Amino acid sequence: MKIGLIFLLLLICVLPAEAQCAMCRAVLESEQSGTAAKGINNGIMYLMVFPYLLVGTVAYLVYRNRQKTT
């Protein structure tokens, strides 16, 4: 139970990450408005969510199935 709570807190308390590869950074820094950089960062964060959701769903299903058998 404590591990699940810690995991949930880690998922909720994330710091914004603003990192790109060297080539993306060079192209995006040359842009004055910064809207493309924000879009790239939002896209990266969007793509990172789904693996965590899949792993969390599988972990929940395994947990639920183990609770039924005991």
PDB file of N, CA and C in Angstrom:
ATOM      1  N   MET A   1       0.823  -1.191   0.000  1.00  0.00           N
ATOM      2  CA  MET A   1       0.000   0.000   0.000  1.00  0.00           C
ATOM      3  C   MET A   1       0.871   1.260   0.000  1.00  0.00           C
ATOM      4  N   LYS A   2       1.946   1.239   0.802  1.00  0.00           N
ATOM      5  CA  LYS A   2       2.826   2.406   0.863  1.00  0.00           C
ATOM      6  C   LYS A   2       3.543   2.624  -0.464  1.00  0.00           C
ATOM      7  N   ILE A   3       3.928   1.535  -1.110  1.00  0.00           N
ATOM      8  CA  ILE A   3       4.622   1.663  -2.395  1.00  0.00           C
ATOM      9  C   ILE A   3       3.692   2.278  -3.437  1.00  0.00           C
ATOM     10  N   GLY A   4       2.439   1.867  -3.441  1.00  0.00           N
ATOM     11  CA  GLY A   4       1.468   2.429  -4.374  1.00  0.00           C
ATOM     12  C   GLY A   4       1.251   3.908  -4.144  1.00  0.00           C
ATOM     13  N   LEU A   5       1.203   4.309  -2.879  1.00  0.00           N
ATOM     14  CA  LEU A   5       1.029   5.721  -2.552  1.00  0.00           C
ATOM     15  C   LEU A   5       2.240   6.544  -2.985  1.00  0.00           C
ATOM     16  N   ILE A   6       3.428   6.007  -2.749  1.00  0.00           N
ATOM     17  CA  ILE A   6       4.651   6.693  -3.181  1.00  0.00           C
ATOM     18  C   ILE A   6       4.681   6.818  -4.703  1.00  0.00           C
ATOM     19  N   PHE A   7       4.324   5.750  -5.399  1.00  0.00           N
ATOM     20  CA  PHE A   7       4.292   5.779  -6.865  1.00  0.00           C
ATOM     21  C   PHE A   7       3.298   6.812  -7.361  1.00  0.00           C
ATOM     22  N   LEU A   8       2.132   6.880  -6.753  1.00  0.00           N
ATOM     23  CA  LEU A   8       1.119   7.860  -7.152  1.00  0.00           C
ATOM     24  C   LEU A   8       1.616   9.283  -6.912  1.00  0.00           C
ATOM     25  N   LEU A   9       2.266   9.518  -5.783  1.00  0.00           N
ATOM     26  CA  LEU A   9       2.801  10.850  -5.503  1.00  0.00           C
ATOM     27  C   LEU A   9       3.887  11.245  -6.502  1.00  0.00           C
ATOM     28  N   LEU A  10       4.727  10.275  -6.897  1.00  0.00           N
ATOM     29  CA  LEU A  10       5.757  10.565  -7.890  1.00  0.00           C
ATOM     30  C   LEU A  10       5.152  10.909  -9.246  1.00  0.00           C
ATOM     31  N   LEU A  11       4.049  10.270  -9.592  1.00  0.00           N
ATOM     32  CA  LEU A  11       3.398  10.584 -10.861  1.00  0.00           C
ATOM     33  C   LEU A  11       2.748  11.957 -10.830  1.00  0.00           C
ATOM     34  N   ILE A  12       2.223  12.341  -9.690  1.00  0.00           N
ATOM     35  CA  ILE A  12       1.531  13.624  -9.579  1.00  0.00           C
ATOM     36  C   ILE A  12       2.524  14.782  -9.487  1.00  0.00           C
ATOM     37  N   CYS A  13       3.601  14.599  -8.765  1.00  0.00           N
ATOM     38  CA  CYS A  13       4.568  15.671  -8.494  1.00  0.00           C
ATOM     39  C   CYS A  13       5.716  15.632  -9.493  1.00  0.00           C
ATOM     40  N   VAL A  14       5.442  15.898 -10.730  1.00  0.00           N
ATOM     41  CA  VAL A  14       6.496  15.916 -11.736  1.00  0.00           C
ATOM     42  C   VAL A  14       6.885  17.355 -12.034  1.00  0.00           C
ATOM     43  N   LEU A  15       8.138  17.552 -12.328  1.00  0.00           N
ATOM     44  CA  LEU A  15       8.623  18.863 -12.726  1.00  0.00           C
ATOM     45  C   LEU A  15       8.560  18.970 -14.242  1.00  0.00           C
ATOM     46  N   PRO A  16       8.257  20.129 -14.755  1.00  0.00           N
ATOM     47  CA  PRO A  16       8.223  20.266 -16.216  1.00  0.00           C
ATOM     48  C   PRO A  16       9.611  20.036 -16.821  1.00  0.00           C
ATOM     49  N   ALA A  17       9.644  19.241 -17.844  1.00  0.00           N
ATOM     50  CA  ALA A  17      10.912  18.935 -18.508  1.00  0.00           C
ATOM     51  C   ALA A  17      10.961  19.689 -19.829  1.00  0.00           C
ATOM     52  N   GLU A  18      12.038  20.389 -20.046  1.00  0.00           N
ATOM     53  CA  GLU A  18      12.191  21.145 -21.280  1.00  0.00           C
ATOM     54  C   GLU A  18      13.530  20.783 -21.906  1.00  0.00           C
ATOM     55  N   ALA A  19      13.558  19.652 -22.590  1.00  0.00           N
ATOM     56  CA  ALA A  19      14.801  19.189 -23.197  1.00  0.00           C
ATOM     57  C   ALA A  19      14.499  18.623 -24.577  1.00  0.00           C
ATOM     58  N   GLN A  20      15.399  18.844 -25.490  1.00  0.00           N
ATOM     59  CA  GLN A  20      15.299  18.295 -26.833  1.00  0.00           C
ATOM     60  C   GLN A  20      16.675  17.785 -27.235  1.00  0.00           C
ATOM     61  N   CYS A  21      16.700  17.104 -28.372  1.00  0.00           N
ATOM     62  CA  CYS A  21      17.999  16.704 -28.906  1.00  0.00           C
ATOM     63  C   CYS A  21      18.729  17.956 -29.398  1.00  0.00           C
ATOM     64  N   ALA A  22      20.004  17.817 -29.700  1.00  0.00           N
ATOM     65  CA  ALA A  22      20.819  18.981 -30.083  1.00  0.00           C
ATOM     66  C   ALA A  22      20.299  19.663 -31.346  1.00  0.00           C
ATOM     67  N   MET A  23      19.884  18.881 -32.320  1.00  0.00           N
ATOM     68  CA  MET A  23      19.402  19.477 -33.577  1.00  0.00           C
ATOM     69  C   MET A  23      18.066  20.187 -33.367  1.00  0.00           C
ATOM     70  N   CYS A  24      17.176  19.570 -32.612  1.00  0.00           N
ATOM     71  CA  CYS A  24      15.890  20.216 -32.348  1.00  0.00           C
ATOM     72  C   CYS A  24      16.098  21.507 -31.571  1.00  0.00           C
ATOM     73  N   ARG A  25      16.978  21.462 -30.605  1.00  0.00           N
ATOM     74  CA  ARG A  25      17.248  22.658 -29.798  1.00  0.00           C
ATOM     75  C   ARG A  25      17.780  23.793 -30.672  1.00  0.00           C
ATOM     76  N   ALA A  26      18.684  23.491 -31.576  1.00  0.00           N
ATOM     77  CA  ALA A  26      19.258  24.529 -32.437  1.00  0.00           C
ATOM     78  C   ALA A  26      18.189  25.163 -33.327  1.00  0.00           C
ATOM     79  N   VAL A  27      17.319  24.359 -33.871  1.00  0.00           N
ATOM     80  CA  VAL A  27      16.254  24.889 -34.736  1.00  0.00           C
ATOM     81  C   VAL A  27      15.253  25.694 -33.924  1.00  0.00           C
ATOM     82  N   LEU A  28      14.884  25.175 -32.766  1.00  0.00           N
ATOM     83  CA  LEU A  28      13.858  25.848 -31.973  1.00  0.00           C
ATOM     84  C   LEU A  28      14.367  27.113 -31.299  1.00  0.00           C
ATOM     85  N   GLU A  29      15.657  27.176 -30.989  1.00  0.00           N
ATOM     86  CA  GLU A  29      16.199  28.397 -30.381  1.00  0.00           C
ATOM     87  C   GLU A  29      16.270  29.538 -31.377  1.00  0.00           C
ATOM     88  N   SER A  30      16.339  29.204 -32.665  1.00  0.00           N
ATOM     89  CA  SER A  30      16.396  30.262 -33.669  1.00  0.00           C
ATOM     90  C   SER A  30      15.037  30.923 -33.879  1.00  0.00           C
ATOM     91  N   GLU A  31      13.980  30.281 -33.436  1.00  0.00           N
ATOM     92  CA  GLU A  31      12.636  30.858 -33.563  1.00  0.00           C
ATOM     93  C   GLU A  31      12.427  31.883 -32.451  1.00  0.00           C
ATOM     94  N   GLN A  32      11.871  33.033 -32.784  1.00  0.00           N
ATOM     95  CA  GLN A  32      11.716  34.117 -31.816  1.00  0.00           C
ATOM     96  C   GLN A  32      10.515  33.935 -30.889  1.00  0.00           C
ATOM     97  N   SER A  33       9.404  33.434 -31.393  1.00  0.00           N
ATOM     98  CA  SER A  33       8.174  33.397 -30.589  1.00  0.00           C
ATOM     99  C   SER A  33       8.171  32.271 -29.550  1.00  0.00           C
ATOM    100  N   GLY A  34       8.800  31.158 -29.833  1.00  0.00           N
ATOM    101  CA  GLY A  34       8.854  30.059 -28.870  1.00  0.00           C
ATOM    102  C   GLY A  34       7.651  29.144 -28.883  1.00  0.00           C
ATOM    103  N   THR A  35       6.712  29.373 -29.801  1.00  0.00           N
ATOM    104  CA  THR A  35       5.524  28.529 -29.820  1.00  0.00           C
ATOM    105  C   THR A  35       5.838  27.115 -30.310  1.00  0.00           C
ATOM    106  N   ALA A  36       6.764  26.993 -31.239  1.00  0.00           N
ATOM    107  CA  ALA A  36       7.132  25.664 -31.726  1.00  0.00           C
ATOM    108  C   ALA A  36       7.824  24.861 -30.628  1.00  0.00           C
ATOM    109  N   ALA A  37       8.641  25.517 -29.824  1.00  0.00           N
ATOM    110  CA  ALA A  37       9.334  24.836 -28.726  1.00  0.00           C
ATOM    111  C   ALA A  37       8.333  24.309 -27.703  1.00  0.00           C
ATOM    112  N   LYS A  38       7.349  25.112 -27.375  1.00  0.00           N
ATOM    113  CA  LYS A  38       6.316  24.660 -26.441  1.00  0.00           C
ATOM    114  C   LYS A  38       5.533  23.500 -27.032  1.00  0.00           C
ATOM    115  N   GLY A  39       5.261  23.551 -28.312  1.00  0.00           N
ATOM    116  CA  GLY A  39       4.539  22.464 -28.975  1.00  0.00           C
ATOM    117  C   GLY A  39       5.342  21.167 -28.970  1.00  0.00           C
ATOM    118  N   ILE A  40       6.638  21.280 -29.222  1.00  0.00           N
ATOM    119  CA  ILE A  40       7.500  20.085 -29.191  1.00  0.00           C
ATOM    120  C   ILE A  40       7.529  19.499 -27.786  1.00  0.00           C
ATOM    121  N   ASN A  41       7.692  20.333 -26.772  1.00  0.00           N
ATOM    122  CA  ASN A  41       7.720  19.851 -25.389  1.00  0.00           C
ATOM    123  C   ASN A  41       6.394  19.206 -24.997  1.00  0.00           C
ATOM    124  N   ASN A  42       5.281  19.802 -25.388  1.00  0.00           N
ATOM    125  CA  ASN A  42       3.976  19.214 -25.079  1.00  0.00           C
ATOM    126  C   ASN A  42       3.802  17.877 -25.787  1.00  0.00           C
ATOM    127  N   GLY A  43       4.290  17.773 -27.004  1.00  0.00           N
ATOM    128  CA  GLY A  43       4.198  16.502 -27.733  1.00  0.00           C
ATOM    129  C   GLY A  43       5.021  15.413 -27.075  1.00  0.00           C
ATOM    130  N   ILE A  44       6.202  15.762 -26.587  1.00  0.00           N
ATOM    131  CA  ILE A  44       7.045  14.786 -25.895  1.00  0.00           C
ATOM    132  C   ILE A  44       6.352  14.304 -24.620  1.00  0.00           C
ATOM    133  N   MET A  45       5.796  15.232 -23.863  1.00  0.00           N
ATOM    134  CA  MET A  45       5.102  14.847 -22.631  1.00  0.00           C
ATOM    135  C   MET A  45       3.876  13.986 -22.941  1.00  0.00           C
ATOM    136  N   TYR A  46       3.162  14.310 -23.993  1.00  0.00           N
ATOM    137  CA  TYR A  46       1.991  13.532 -24.406  1.00  0.00           C
ATOM    138  C   TYR A  46       2.393  12.105 -24.758  1.00  0.00           C
ATOM    139  N   LEU A  47       3.486  11.948 -25.480  1.00  0.00           N
ATOM    140  CA  LEU A  47       3.948  10.610 -25.861  1.00  0.00           C
ATOM    141  C   LEU A  47       4.479   9.828 -24.664  1.00  0.00           C
ATOM    142  N   MET A  48       4.981  10.512 -23.644  1.00  0.00           N
ATOM    143  CA  MET A  48       5.501   9.816 -22.463  1.00  0.00           C
ATOM    144  C   MET A  48       4.403   9.290 -21.554  1.00  0.00           C
ATOM    145  N   VAL A  49       3.202   9.823 -21.650  1.00  0.00           N
ATOM    146  CA  VAL A  49       2.118   9.424 -20.752  1.00  0.00           C
ATOM    147  C   VAL A  49       1.666   7.991 -21.021  1.00  0.00           C
ATOM    148  N   PHE A  50       1.590   7.590 -22.266  1.00  0.00           N
ATOM    149  CA  PHE A  50       0.986   6.309 -22.605  1.00  0.00           C
ATOM    150  C   PHE A  50       1.748   5.083 -22.099  1.00  0.00           C
ATOM    151  N   PRO A  51       3.070   5.042 -22.143  1.00  0.00           N
ATOM    152  CA  PRO A  51       3.735   3.876 -21.536  1.00  0.00           C
ATOM    153  C   PRO A  51       3.440   3.741 -20.042  1.00  0.00           C
ATOM    154  N   TYR A  52       3.381   4.867 -19.331  1.00  0.00           N
ATOM    155  CA  TYR A  52       3.064   4.803 -17.906  1.00  0.00           C
ATOM    156  C   TYR A  52       1.637   4.319 -17.679  1.00  0.00           C
ATOM    157  N   LEU A  53       0.706   4.773 -18.502  1.00  0.00           N
ATOM    158  CA  LEU A  53      -0.667   4.298 -18.379  1.00  0.00           C
ATOM    159  C   LEU A  53      -0.769   2.807 -18.657  1.00  0.00           C
ATOM    160  N   LEU A  54      -0.066   2.327 -19.668  1.00  0.00           N
ATOM    161  CA  LEU A  54      -0.101   0.899 -19.981  1.00  0.00           C
ATOM    162  C   LEU A  54       0.495   0.058 -18.859  1.00  0.00           C
ATOM    163  N   VAL A  55       1.630   0.473 -18.344  1.00  0.00           N
ATOM    164  CA  VAL A  55       2.264  -0.269 -17.249  1.00  0.00           C
ATOM    165  C   VAL A  55       1.380  -0.226 -16.004  1.00  0.00           C
ATOM    166  N   GLY A  56       0.810   0.918 -15.722  1.00  0.00           N
ATOM    167  CA  GLY A  56      -0.081   1.040 -14.567  1.00  0.00           C
ATOM    168  C   GLY A  56      -1.314   0.166 -14.696  1.00  0.00           C
ATOM    169  N   THR A  57      -1.878   0.102 -15.892  1.00  0.00           N
ATOM    170  CA  THR A  57      -3.051  -0.735 -16.120  1.00  0.00           C
ATOM    171  C   THR A  57      -2.717  -2.208 -15.941  1.00  0.00           C
ATOM    172  N   VAL A  58      -1.602  -2.641 -16.494  1.00  0.00           N
ATOM    173  CA  VAL A  58      -1.190  -4.044 -16.347  1.00  0.00           C
ATOM    174  C   VAL A  58      -0.926  -4.353 -14.878  1.00  0.00           C
ATOM    175  N   ALA A  59      -0.251  -3.458 -14.172  1.00  0.00           N
ATOM    176  CA  ALA A  59       0.020  -3.679 -12.751  1.00  0.00           C
ATOM    177  C   ALA A  59      -1.276  -3.771 -11.954  1.00  0.00           C
ATOM    178  N   TYR A  60      -2.237  -2.927 -12.271  1.00  0.00           N
ATOM    179  CA  TYR A  60      -3.526  -2.969 -11.576  1.00  0.00           C
ATOM    180  C   TYR A  60      -4.256  -4.276 -11.857  1.00  0.00           C
ATOM    181  N   LEU A  61      -4.240  -4.726 -13.110  1.00  0.00           N
ATOM    182  CA  LEU A  61      -4.917  -5.985 -13.446  1.00  0.00           C
ATOM    183  C   LEU A  61      -4.263  -7.172 -12.749  1.00  0.00           C
ATOM    184  N   VAL A  62      -2.941  -7.178 -12.677  1.00  0.00           N
ATOM    185  CA  VAL A  62      -2.242  -8.252 -11.962  1.00  0.00           C
ATOM    186  C   VAL A  62      -2.592  -8.200 -10.484  1.00  0.00           C
ATOM    187  N   TYR A  63      -2.606  -7.018  -9.906  1.00  0.00           N
ATOM    188  CA  TYR A  63      -2.947  -6.858  -8.496  1.00  0.00           C
ATOM    189  C   TYR A  63      -4.368  -7.350  -8.229  1.00  0.00           C
ATOM    190  N   ARG A  64      -5.295  -6.952  -9.082  1.00  0.00           N
ATOM    191  CA  ARG A  64      -6.697  -7.347  -8.902  1.00  0.00           C
ATOM    192  C   ARG A  64      -6.869  -8.852  -9.032  1.00  0.00           C
ATOM    193  N   ASN A  65      -6.177  -9.481  -9.987  1.00  0.00           N
ATOM    194  CA  ASN A  65      -6.270 -10.925 -10.152  1.00  0.00           C
ATOM    195  C   ASN A  65      -5.645 -11.675  -8.971  1.00  0.00           C
ATOM    196  N   ARG A  66      -4.576 -11.151  -8.413  1.00  0.00           N
ATOM    197  CA  ARG A  66      -3.958 -11.787  -7.251  1.00  0.00           C
ATOM    198  C   ARG A  66      -4.841 -11.672  -6.019  1.00  0.00           C
ATOM    199  N   GLN A  67      -5.591 -10.578  -5.907  1.00  0.00           N
ATOM    200  CA  GLN A  67      -6.492 -10.404  -4.783  1.00  0.00           C
ATOM    201  C   GLN A  67      -7.671 -11.370  -4.851  1.00  0.00           C
ATOM    202  N   LYS A  68      -8.129 -11.705  -6.050  1.00  0.00           N
ATOM    203  CA  LYS A  68      -9.233 -12.645  -6.226  1.00  0.00           C
ATOM    204  C   LYS A  68      -8.822 -14.060  -5.841  1.00  0.00           C
ATOM    205  N   THR A  69      -7.578 -14.435  -6.106  1.00  0.00           N
ATOM    206  CA  THR A  69      -7.146 -15.802  -5.851  1.00  0.00           C
ATOM    207  C   THR A  69      -6.821 -16.046  -4.386  1.00  0.00           C
ATOM    208  N   THR A  70      -6.606 -15.009  -3.604  1.00  0.00           N
ATOM    209  CA  THR A  70      -6.267 -15.226  -2.196  1.00  0.00           C
ATOM    210  C   THR A  70      -7.451 -15.103  -1.300  1.00  0.00           C
TER     211      THR A  70
END
